[in-house]
Amino acid sequence: MQTKFSKNDEYPPSEDTFFIANNIENERGNYALDVGSGSGYLTKLLSDNFSFVVGTDVNCNVLQHQTSYKTNNLICCNGSDALKIKFDFIVCNLPYLATNEIIDVATDGGSEGFEIPKKIFDSIINNLAESGKFIFVTSSLSNYQKLIDYVERLGLKTRIMAKKKLFFEELILVETTW
């Protein structure tokens, strides 16, 4: 049974968050962006290795009341629509679950798990520095190949960094670069 979060609830770090964290903990640079920062776990992790880190989320209440992993530079917006900065590193724990309707913005990706991730990709493409890297997680339960194909149509190169088999799905971590 999937838990639905109210508009004031943080999306707590879970298996997908820790999977990303284990694969990005050695990333370093100047500017980093965590899209869909939720609890702030990845934003906090990035702040140890980057000079300037921004976290964005569509849920303003969560950003205002972040308790577990409080960070600075939190912006309420869709993807990175409000930003004009180029980032060396962007990470996103996508709402990737394939759903008929968007009920929970933290997890529901829409049709084939593609609808919401596509909007996020369209948003961040202008914020990725020329030598930058964009990392996102998706699932075998969504049409992850459609996501990868779309990112490549945007002009980015992709590679699957890692996979993690869970009881009911496989998590897939994708790295994209120019």
N, C-alpha and C. Protein backbone atom coordinates (compact mmCIF):
# COMPACT_ATOMS: atom_id res chain seq x y z
N MET A 1 0.84 -1.19 0.00
CA MET A 1 0.00 0.00 0.00
C MET A 1 0.88 1.25 0.00
N GLN A 2 0.62 2.16 -0.91
CA GLN A 2 1.39 3.38 -1.01
C GLN A 2 0.84 4.41 -0.04
N THR A 3 1.74 5.07 0.67
CA THR A 3 1.34 6.12 1.59
C THR A 3 1.18 7.42 0.82
N LYS A 4 0.09 8.11 1.06
CA LYS A 4 -0.12 9.42 0.46
C LYS A 4 0.23 10.47 1.50
N PHE A 5 0.92 11.50 1.08
CA PHE A 5 1.34 12.54 2.00
C PHE A 5 0.44 13.75 1.85
N SER A 6 0.09 14.34 2.98
CA SER A 6 -0.70 15.57 2.91
C SER A 6 0.21 16.71 2.50
N LYS A 7 -0.38 17.85 2.19
CA LYS A 7 0.43 18.95 1.67
C LYS A 7 1.43 19.47 2.68
N ASN A 8 1.31 19.13 3.95
CA ASN A 8 2.26 19.59 4.95
C ASN A 8 3.31 18.54 5.31
N ASP A 9 3.21 17.34 4.76
CA ASP A 9 4.13 16.27 5.11
C ASP A 9 5.39 16.30 4.25
N GLU A 10 6.52 16.04 4.91
CA GLU A 10 7.77 15.83 4.18
C GLU A 10 7.71 14.44 3.55
N TYR A 11 8.33 14.31 2.39
CA TYR A 11 8.55 12.99 1.84
C TYR A 11 9.81 12.49 2.51
N PRO A 12 9.69 11.51 3.42
CA PRO A 12 10.87 11.09 4.18
C PRO A 12 11.87 10.34 3.31
N PRO A 13 13.16 10.44 3.63
CA PRO A 13 14.13 9.67 2.86
C PRO A 13 13.77 8.19 2.92
N SER A 14 13.80 7.54 1.77
CA SER A 14 13.55 6.11 1.74
C SER A 14 14.55 5.44 0.82
N GLU A 15 14.24 4.23 0.40
CA GLU A 15 15.19 3.42 -0.35
C GLU A 15 15.76 4.14 -1.56
N ASP A 16 14.90 4.85 -2.31
CA ASP A 16 15.40 5.55 -3.50
C ASP A 16 16.32 6.71 -3.13
N THR A 17 16.01 7.42 -2.05
CA THR A 17 16.86 8.53 -1.59
C THR A 17 18.24 8.02 -1.19
N PHE A 18 18.27 6.95 -0.42
CA PHE A 18 19.55 6.39 0.04
C PHE A 18 20.35 5.81 -1.13
N PHE A 19 19.66 5.26 -2.12
CA PHE A 19 20.30 4.73 -3.32
C PHE A 19 21.02 5.87 -4.06
N ILE A 20 20.33 6.99 -4.23
CA ILE A 20 20.95 8.15 -4.86
C ILE A 20 22.13 8.62 -4.02
N ALA A 21 21.91 8.80 -2.74
CA ALA A 21 22.95 9.32 -1.83
C ALA A 21 24.23 8.49 -1.91
N ASN A 22 24.09 7.18 -1.92
CA ASN A 22 25.27 6.30 -1.97
C ASN A 22 26.05 6.48 -3.26
N ASN A 23 25.39 6.93 -4.31
CA ASN A 23 26.05 7.07 -5.60
C ASN A 23 26.52 8.49 -5.92
N ILE A 24 26.14 9.46 -5.08
CA ILE A 24 26.57 10.85 -5.34
C ILE A 24 27.40 11.44 -4.21
N GLU A 25 27.64 10.68 -3.16
CA GLU A 25 28.30 11.25 -1.98
C GLU A 25 29.71 11.78 -2.26
N ASN A 26 30.34 11.36 -3.35
CA ASN A 26 31.69 11.85 -3.66
C ASN A 26 31.69 12.93 -4.74
N GLU A 27 30.52 13.37 -5.19
CA GLU A 27 30.44 14.46 -6.17
C GLU A 27 30.88 15.76 -5.49
N ARG A 28 31.62 16.58 -6.23
CA ARG A 28 32.10 17.85 -5.71
C ARG A 28 32.01 18.92 -6.79
N GLY A 29 31.93 20.17 -6.37
CA GLY A 29 31.92 21.26 -7.34
C GLY A 29 31.50 22.56 -6.71
N ASN A 30 31.09 23.49 -7.55
CA ASN A 30 30.70 24.83 -7.09
C ASN A 30 29.20 24.94 -6.85
N TYR A 31 28.40 24.63 -7.87
CA TYR A 31 26.96 24.85 -7.79
C TYR A 31 26.19 23.55 -7.96
N ALA A 32 25.32 23.25 -6.98
CA ALA A 32 24.51 22.03 -7.05
C ALA A 32 23.04 22.38 -6.82
N LEU A 33 22.18 21.59 -7.44
CA LEU A 33 20.73 21.78 -7.33
C LEU A 33 20.08 20.44 -7.02
N ASP A 34 19.20 20.44 -6.02
CA ASP A 34 18.39 19.27 -5.68
C ASP A 34 16.95 19.62 -6.02
N VAL A 35 16.44 19.05 -7.11
CA VAL A 35 15.06 19.31 -7.55
C VAL A 35 14.14 18.31 -6.86
N GLY A 36 13.10 18.83 -6.20
CA GLY A 36 12.19 17.98 -5.44
C GLY A 36 12.84 17.59 -4.13
N SER A 37 13.36 18.57 -3.42
CA SER A 37 14.19 18.30 -2.25
C SER A 37 13.46 17.65 -1.08
N GLY A 38 12.13 17.80 -1.00
CA GLY A 38 11.38 17.12 0.06
C GLY A 38 11.95 17.36 1.44
N SER A 39 12.40 16.31 2.10
CA SER A 39 12.93 16.42 3.47
C SER A 39 14.24 17.20 3.53
N GLY A 40 14.93 17.34 2.41
CA GLY A 40 16.21 18.03 2.38
C GLY A 40 17.41 17.13 2.55
N TYR A 41 17.18 15.82 2.58
CA TYR A 41 18.27 14.87 2.82
C TYR A 41 19.38 15.01 1.78
N LEU A 42 19.03 15.01 0.50
CA LEU A 42 20.05 15.13 -0.55
C LEU A 42 20.63 16.54 -0.62
N THR A 43 19.81 17.55 -0.36
CA THR A 43 20.29 18.93 -0.34
C THR A 43 21.37 19.08 0.73
N LYS A 44 21.11 18.53 1.90
CA LYS A 44 22.08 18.57 3.01
C LYS A 44 23.35 17.82 2.63
N LEU A 45 23.22 16.66 2.02
CA LEU A 45 24.38 15.89 1.59
C LEU A 45 25.23 16.69 0.60
N LEU A 46 24.60 17.33 -0.37
CA LEU A 46 25.32 18.13 -1.36
C LEU A 46 26.02 19.33 -0.74
N SER A 47 25.43 19.90 0.30
CA SER A 47 26.02 21.09 0.92
C SER A 47 27.39 20.81 1.55
N ASP A 48 27.70 19.56 1.79
CA ASP A 48 29.02 19.21 2.33
C ASP A 48 30.11 19.29 1.26
N ASN A 49 29.75 19.15 -0.02
CA ASN A 49 30.75 19.05 -1.09
C ASN A 49 30.65 20.12 -2.17
N PHE A 50 29.68 21.01 -2.08
CA PHE A 50 29.51 22.07 -3.07
C PHE A 50 29.50 23.42 -2.37
N SER A 51 30.01 24.44 -3.05
CA SER A 51 30.08 25.78 -2.48
C SER A 51 28.71 26.42 -2.29
N PHE A 52 27.81 26.17 -3.25
CA PHE A 52 26.48 26.78 -3.22
C PHE A 52 25.47 25.73 -3.65
N VAL A 53 24.49 25.48 -2.79
CA VAL A 53 23.48 24.44 -3.05
C VAL A 53 22.09 25.05 -2.93
N VAL A 54 21.23 24.71 -3.89
CA VAL A 54 19.84 25.14 -3.87
C VAL A 54 18.96 23.90 -3.89
N GLY A 55 17.90 23.94 -3.10
CA GLY A 55 16.89 22.89 -3.12
C GLY A 55 15.57 23.50 -3.57
N THR A 56 14.87 22.82 -4.49
CA THR A 56 13.55 23.29 -4.92
C THR A 56 12.52 22.21 -4.66
N ASP A 57 11.29 22.62 -4.47
CA ASP A 57 10.18 21.69 -4.30
C ASP A 57 8.88 22.42 -4.62
N VAL A 58 7.89 21.70 -5.10
CA VAL A 58 6.59 22.31 -5.39
C VAL A 58 5.78 22.51 -4.12
N ASN A 59 6.17 21.85 -3.05
CA ASN A 59 5.43 21.92 -1.80
C ASN A 59 6.06 22.97 -0.88
N CYS A 60 5.50 24.18 -0.91
CA CYS A 60 6.04 25.30 -0.12
C CYS A 60 5.98 25.02 1.38
N ASN A 61 4.92 24.37 1.83
CA ASN A 61 4.80 24.08 3.26
C ASN A 61 5.91 23.18 3.76
N VAL A 62 6.28 22.20 2.97
CA VAL A 62 7.36 21.30 3.35
C VAL A 62 8.67 22.08 3.45
N LEU A 63 8.92 22.95 2.50
CA LEU A 63 10.15 23.74 2.54
C LEU A 63 10.19 24.65 3.75
N GLN A 64 9.07 25.25 4.09
CA GLN A 64 9.01 26.17 5.24
C GLN A 64 9.14 25.44 6.57
N HIS A 65 8.72 24.19 6.61
CA HIS A 65 8.71 23.46 7.88
C HIS A 65 9.65 22.26 7.88
N GLN A 66 10.64 22.31 7.02
CA GLN A 66 11.63 21.22 6.97
C GLN A 66 12.25 21.08 8.35
N THR A 67 12.22 19.89 8.89
CA THR A 67 12.73 19.71 10.25
C THR A 67 13.94 18.79 10.32
N SER A 68 13.93 17.73 9.57
CA SER A 68 14.96 16.71 9.71
C SER A 68 16.31 17.13 9.15
N TYR A 69 16.33 17.76 7.97
CA TYR A 69 17.59 18.07 7.28
C TYR A 69 17.55 19.52 6.80
N LYS A 70 17.38 20.44 7.72
CA LYS A 70 17.21 21.86 7.42
C LYS A 70 18.42 22.40 6.67
N THR A 71 18.15 23.10 5.57
CA THR A 71 19.21 23.74 4.79
C THR A 71 18.77 25.14 4.38
N ASN A 72 19.70 25.89 3.83
CA ASN A 72 19.40 27.22 3.30
C ASN A 72 19.11 27.11 1.81
N ASN A 73 18.75 28.22 1.21
CA ASN A 73 18.55 28.32 -0.24
C ASN A 73 17.48 27.37 -0.77
N LEU A 74 16.33 27.39 -0.12
CA LEU A 74 15.20 26.57 -0.55
C LEU A 74 14.21 27.45 -1.31
N ILE A 75 13.78 26.97 -2.47
CA ILE A 75 12.89 27.76 -3.32
C ILE A 75 11.70 26.91 -3.73
N CYS A 76 10.52 27.47 -3.55
CA CYS A 76 9.30 26.79 -3.96
C CYS A 76 9.01 27.12 -5.42
N CYS A 77 9.10 26.09 -6.26
CA CYS A 77 8.81 26.27 -7.68
C CYS A 77 8.68 24.90 -8.34
N ASN A 78 8.23 24.88 -9.57
CA ASN A 78 8.19 23.65 -10.36
C ASN A 78 9.57 23.41 -10.94
N GLY A 79 10.15 22.27 -10.65
CA GLY A 79 11.47 21.94 -11.17
C GLY A 79 12.48 23.00 -10.78
N SER A 80 12.97 23.72 -11.78
CA SER A 80 13.89 24.84 -11.51
C SER A 80 13.43 26.08 -12.27
N ASP A 81 12.11 26.18 -12.49
CA ASP A 81 11.55 27.28 -13.27
C ASP A 81 11.94 28.67 -12.76
N ALA A 82 12.16 28.83 -11.46
CA ALA A 82 12.44 30.15 -10.89
C ALA A 82 13.93 30.51 -10.92
N LEU A 83 14.76 29.61 -11.41
CA LEU A 83 16.21 29.82 -11.33
C LEU A 83 16.82 30.20 -12.68
N LYS A 84 17.81 31.04 -12.61
CA LYS A 84 18.55 31.46 -13.82
C LYS A 84 20.03 31.11 -13.68
N ILE A 85 20.38 30.24 -12.76
CA ILE A 85 21.76 29.85 -12.48
C ILE A 85 22.10 28.59 -13.26
N LYS A 86 23.34 28.46 -13.67
CA LYS A 86 23.84 27.23 -14.28
C LYS A 86 24.50 26.41 -13.17
N PHE A 87 24.13 25.15 -13.08
CA PHE A 87 24.63 24.27 -12.03
C PHE A 87 25.58 23.22 -12.60
N ASP A 88 26.65 22.93 -11.85
CA ASP A 88 27.59 21.86 -12.21
C ASP A 88 26.93 20.50 -12.03
N PHE A 89 26.04 20.44 -11.05
CA PHE A 89 25.47 19.16 -10.66
C PHE A 89 24.01 19.35 -10.28
N ILE A 90 23.14 18.54 -10.87
CA ILE A 90 21.71 18.56 -10.55
C ILE A 90 21.29 17.13 -10.23
N VAL A 91 20.54 16.98 -9.16
CA VAL A 91 20.03 15.67 -8.78
C VAL A 91 18.52 15.78 -8.58
N CYS A 92 17.82 14.69 -8.92
CA CYS A 92 16.38 14.69 -8.73
C CYS A 92 15.89 13.28 -8.42
N ASN A 93 15.23 13.15 -7.28
CA ASN A 93 14.52 11.93 -6.94
C ASN A 93 13.12 12.11 -7.51
N LEU A 94 12.99 11.76 -8.78
CA LEU A 94 11.76 12.01 -9.53
C LEU A 94 10.52 11.37 -8.92
N PRO A 95 9.37 12.02 -9.10
CA PRO A 95 8.11 11.32 -8.85
C PRO A 95 7.87 10.42 -10.07
N TYR A 96 8.31 9.18 -9.99
CA TYR A 96 8.41 8.32 -11.17
C TYR A 96 7.36 7.23 -11.27
N LEU A 97 6.50 7.08 -10.28
CA LEU A 97 5.52 6.00 -10.35
C LEU A 97 4.50 6.24 -11.45
N ALA A 98 4.24 5.23 -12.26
CA ALA A 98 3.24 5.32 -13.32
C ALA A 98 1.85 5.33 -12.69
N THR A 99 1.13 6.43 -12.90
CA THR A 99 -0.20 6.59 -12.32
C THR A 99 -1.16 7.19 -13.34
N ASN A 100 -2.43 6.88 -13.18
CA ASN A 100 -3.44 7.44 -14.07
C ASN A 100 -3.74 8.89 -13.75
N GLU A 101 -3.54 9.27 -12.50
CA GLU A 101 -3.75 10.66 -12.10
C GLU A 101 -2.71 11.02 -11.05
N ILE A 102 -2.46 12.32 -10.91
CA ILE A 102 -1.47 12.80 -9.95
C ILE A 102 -2.20 13.11 -8.64
N ILE A 103 -2.03 12.22 -7.69
CA ILE A 103 -2.64 12.43 -6.37
C ILE A 103 -1.56 12.87 -5.38
N ASP A 104 -0.42 12.23 -5.43
CA ASP A 104 0.68 12.53 -4.54
C ASP A 104 1.85 13.05 -5.37
N VAL A 105 2.13 14.36 -5.28
CA VAL A 105 3.18 14.97 -6.11
C VAL A 105 4.58 14.47 -5.75
N ALA A 106 4.73 13.85 -4.60
CA ALA A 106 6.04 13.33 -4.20
C ALA A 106 6.39 12.04 -4.93
N THR A 107 5.39 11.29 -5.39
CA THR A 107 5.66 9.97 -5.96
C THR A 107 5.02 9.72 -7.32
N ASP A 108 3.91 10.36 -7.62
CA ASP A 108 3.15 10.06 -8.84
C ASP A 108 3.73 10.78 -10.06
N GLY A 109 4.14 10.01 -11.06
CA GLY A 109 4.76 10.58 -12.26
C GLY A 109 3.81 10.74 -13.43
N GLY A 110 2.55 10.32 -13.26
CA GLY A 110 1.60 10.40 -14.36
C GLY A 110 1.72 9.22 -15.29
N SER A 111 1.11 9.37 -16.45
CA SER A 111 1.06 8.29 -17.44
C SER A 111 2.46 7.74 -17.72
N GLU A 112 2.63 6.45 -17.52
CA GLU A 112 3.88 5.71 -17.72
C GLU A 112 5.03 6.21 -16.84
N GLY A 113 4.73 7.04 -15.84
CA GLY A 113 5.79 7.62 -15.02
C GLY A 113 6.59 8.65 -15.81
N PHE A 114 5.97 9.23 -16.83
CA PHE A 114 6.68 10.11 -17.76
C PHE A 114 6.22 11.57 -17.68
N GLU A 115 4.95 11.80 -17.43
CA GLU A 115 4.37 13.14 -17.51
C GLU A 115 5.08 14.17 -16.62
N ILE A 116 5.22 13.88 -15.34
CA ILE A 116 5.86 14.82 -14.41
C ILE A 116 7.37 14.88 -14.64
N PRO A 117 8.08 13.74 -14.78
CA PRO A 117 9.50 13.83 -15.08
C PRO A 117 9.80 14.67 -16.34
N LYS A 118 8.97 14.57 -17.37
CA LYS A 118 9.18 15.36 -18.58
C LYS A 118 9.16 16.85 -18.25
N LYS A 119 8.22 17.27 -17.43
CA LYS A 119 8.14 18.69 -17.03
C LYS A 119 9.40 19.10 -16.27
N ILE A 120 9.89 18.22 -15.42
CA ILE A 120 11.10 18.51 -14.67
C ILE A 120 12.30 18.63 -15.62
N PHE A 121 12.43 17.70 -16.54
CA PHE A 121 13.53 17.74 -17.52
C PHE A 121 13.48 19.03 -18.33
N ASP A 122 12.28 19.40 -18.80
CA ASP A 122 12.14 20.63 -19.59
C ASP A 122 12.57 21.85 -18.78
N SER A 123 12.35 21.80 -17.48
CA SER A 123 12.71 22.89 -16.60
C SER A 123 14.22 22.97 -16.36
N ILE A 124 14.85 21.85 -16.05
CA ILE A 124 16.26 21.89 -15.65
C ILE A 124 17.24 22.02 -16.81
N ILE A 125 16.80 21.73 -18.02
CA ILE A 125 17.71 21.74 -19.17
C ILE A 125 18.44 23.07 -19.30
N ASN A 126 17.78 24.18 -18.97
CA ASN A 126 18.41 25.50 -19.07
C ASN A 126 19.31 25.82 -17.89
N ASN A 127 19.29 25.00 -16.86
CA ASN A 127 20.10 25.26 -15.67
C ASN A 127 21.32 24.36 -15.57
N LEU A 128 21.50 23.47 -16.51
CA LEU A 128 22.63 22.56 -16.47
C LEU A 128 23.82 23.19 -17.20
N ALA A 129 24.93 23.37 -16.46
CA ALA A 129 26.13 23.96 -17.04
C ALA A 129 26.65 23.07 -18.17
N GLU A 130 27.42 23.67 -19.06
CA GLU A 130 27.94 22.96 -20.22
C GLU A 130 28.72 21.70 -19.84
N SER A 131 29.45 21.76 -18.75
CA SER A 131 30.20 20.58 -18.29
C SER A 131 29.49 19.90 -17.12
N GLY A 132 28.20 20.21 -16.95
CA GLY A 132 27.45 19.72 -15.80
C GLY A 132 26.96 18.29 -15.95
N LYS A 133 26.44 17.81 -14.83
CA LYS A 133 25.94 16.44 -14.75
C LYS A 133 24.57 16.48 -14.07
N PHE A 134 23.62 15.73 -14.62
CA PHE A 134 22.27 15.62 -14.06
C PHE A 134 22.02 14.15 -13.76
N ILE A 135 21.69 13.85 -12.50
CA ILE A 135 21.44 12.49 -12.04
C ILE A 135 19.97 12.38 -11.63
N PHE A 136 19.30 11.34 -12.10
CA PHE A 136 17.93 11.11 -11.64
C PHE A 136 17.70 9.62 -11.42
N VAL A 137 16.73 9.34 -10.56
CA VAL A 137 16.36 7.95 -10.29
C VAL A 137 14.99 7.69 -10.88
N THR A 138 14.83 6.48 -11.39
CA THR A 138 13.54 6.06 -11.90
C THR A 138 13.34 4.59 -11.51
N SER A 139 12.33 3.98 -12.05
CA SER A 139 11.97 2.64 -11.61
C SER A 139 11.58 1.76 -12.78
N SER A 140 11.77 0.47 -12.59
CA SER A 140 11.33 -0.51 -13.59
C SER A 140 9.80 -0.54 -13.69
N LEU A 141 9.11 0.04 -12.73
CA LEU A 141 7.64 0.10 -12.77
C LEU A 141 7.12 1.20 -13.68
N SER A 142 8.03 2.09 -14.11
CA SER A 142 7.65 3.14 -15.05
C SER A 142 8.30 2.85 -16.40
N ASN A 143 7.97 3.65 -17.38
CA ASN A 143 8.58 3.49 -18.70
C ASN A 143 9.89 4.26 -18.70
N TYR A 144 10.90 3.72 -18.02
CA TYR A 144 12.17 4.43 -17.86
C TYR A 144 12.88 4.61 -19.19
N GLN A 145 12.69 3.72 -20.15
CA GLN A 145 13.34 3.90 -21.45
C GLN A 145 12.78 5.12 -22.17
N LYS A 146 11.50 5.38 -22.00
CA LYS A 146 10.89 6.57 -22.59
C LYS A 146 11.52 7.83 -21.98
N LEU A 147 11.80 7.80 -20.67
CA LEU A 147 12.46 8.93 -20.01
C LEU A 147 13.85 9.14 -20.59
N ILE A 148 14.61 8.06 -20.71
CA ILE A 148 15.97 8.14 -21.24
C ILE A 148 15.95 8.65 -22.68
N ASP A 149 15.04 8.13 -23.50
CA ASP A 149 14.93 8.58 -24.89
C ASP A 149 14.61 10.07 -24.96
N TYR A 150 13.73 10.54 -24.07
CA TYR A 150 13.36 11.95 -24.07
C TYR A 150 14.56 12.83 -23.71
N VAL A 151 15.29 12.44 -22.69
CA VAL A 151 16.47 13.21 -22.28
C VAL A 151 17.48 13.27 -23.43
N GLU A 152 17.64 12.18 -24.14
CA GLU A 152 18.57 12.16 -25.28
C GLU A 152 18.07 13.06 -26.41
N ARG A 153 16.75 13.15 -26.60
CA ARG A 153 16.21 14.06 -27.61
C ARG A 153 16.46 15.52 -27.23
N LEU A 154 16.63 15.79 -25.93
CA LEU A 154 16.95 17.14 -25.48
C LEU A 154 18.42 17.49 -25.75
N GLY A 155 19.18 16.50 -26.20
CA GLY A 155 20.58 16.74 -26.54
C GLY A 155 21.58 16.23 -25.52
N LEU A 156 21.09 15.55 -24.49
CA LEU A 156 21.98 15.04 -23.44
C LEU A 156 22.37 13.59 -23.72
N LYS A 157 23.55 13.22 -23.25
CA LYS A 157 24.00 11.83 -23.31
C LYS A 157 23.59 11.16 -22.00
N THR A 158 23.24 9.89 -22.06
CA THR A 158 22.82 9.19 -20.85
C THR A 158 23.63 7.92 -20.64
N ARG A 159 23.71 7.53 -19.38
CA ARG A 159 24.24 6.22 -19.04
C ARG A 159 23.60 5.79 -17.73
N ILE A 160 23.34 4.51 -17.64
CA ILE A 160 22.79 3.97 -16.40
C ILE A 160 23.97 3.78 -15.45
N MET A 161 23.94 4.50 -14.34
CA MET A 161 25.02 4.47 -13.35
C MET A 161 24.95 3.24 -12.47
N ALA A 162 23.73 2.92 -12.06
CA ALA A 162 23.56 1.84 -11.10
C ALA A 162 22.11 1.36 -11.13
N LYS A 163 21.93 0.13 -10.69
CA LYS A 163 20.59 -0.45 -10.52
C LYS A 163 20.54 -1.11 -9.15
N LYS A 164 19.37 -1.09 -8.58
CA LYS A 164 19.18 -1.74 -7.27
C LYS A 164 17.87 -2.50 -7.29
N LYS A 165 17.98 -3.80 -7.10
CA LYS A 165 16.80 -4.67 -7.10
C LYS A 165 16.14 -4.60 -5.72
N LEU A 166 14.86 -4.30 -5.72
CA LEU A 166 14.06 -4.33 -4.51
C LEU A 166 13.06 -5.47 -4.65
N PHE A 167 12.29 -5.69 -3.64
CA PHE A 167 11.32 -6.78 -3.64
C PHE A 167 10.36 -6.68 -4.83
N PHE A 168 9.85 -5.48 -5.10
CA PHE A 168 8.78 -5.31 -6.09
C PHE A 168 9.18 -4.50 -7.31
N GLU A 169 10.40 -3.98 -7.34
CA GLU A 169 10.83 -3.15 -8.46
C GLU A 169 12.35 -3.09 -8.51
N GLU A 170 12.86 -2.50 -9.57
CA GLU A 170 14.28 -2.22 -9.66
C GLU A 170 14.44 -0.71 -9.82
N LEU A 171 15.26 -0.12 -8.94
CA LEU A 171 15.57 1.30 -9.06
C LEU A 171 16.69 1.46 -10.08
N ILE A 172 16.59 2.52 -10.89
CA ILE A 172 17.57 2.76 -11.95
C ILE A 172 18.06 4.19 -11.80
N LEU A 173 19.38 4.34 -11.64
CA LEU A 173 19.99 5.66 -11.51
C LEU A 173 20.64 6.02 -12.83
N VAL A 174 20.22 7.17 -13.38
CA VAL A 174 20.68 7.59 -14.71
C VAL A 174 21.50 8.87 -14.57
N GLU A 175 22.65 8.89 -15.24
CA GLU A 175 23.50 10.08 -15.31
C GLU A 175 23.36 10.66 -16.71
N THR A 176 23.15 11.98 -16.77
CA THR A 176 23.07 12.66 -18.06
C THR A 176 24.08 13.79 -18.09
N THR A 177 24.70 13.98 -19.26
CA THR A 177 25.66 15.05 -19.47
C THR A 177 25.47 15.59 -20.89
N TRP A 178 26.06 16.74 -21.16
CA TRP A 178 26.01 17.32 -22.50
C TRP A 178 26.91 16.55 -23.42
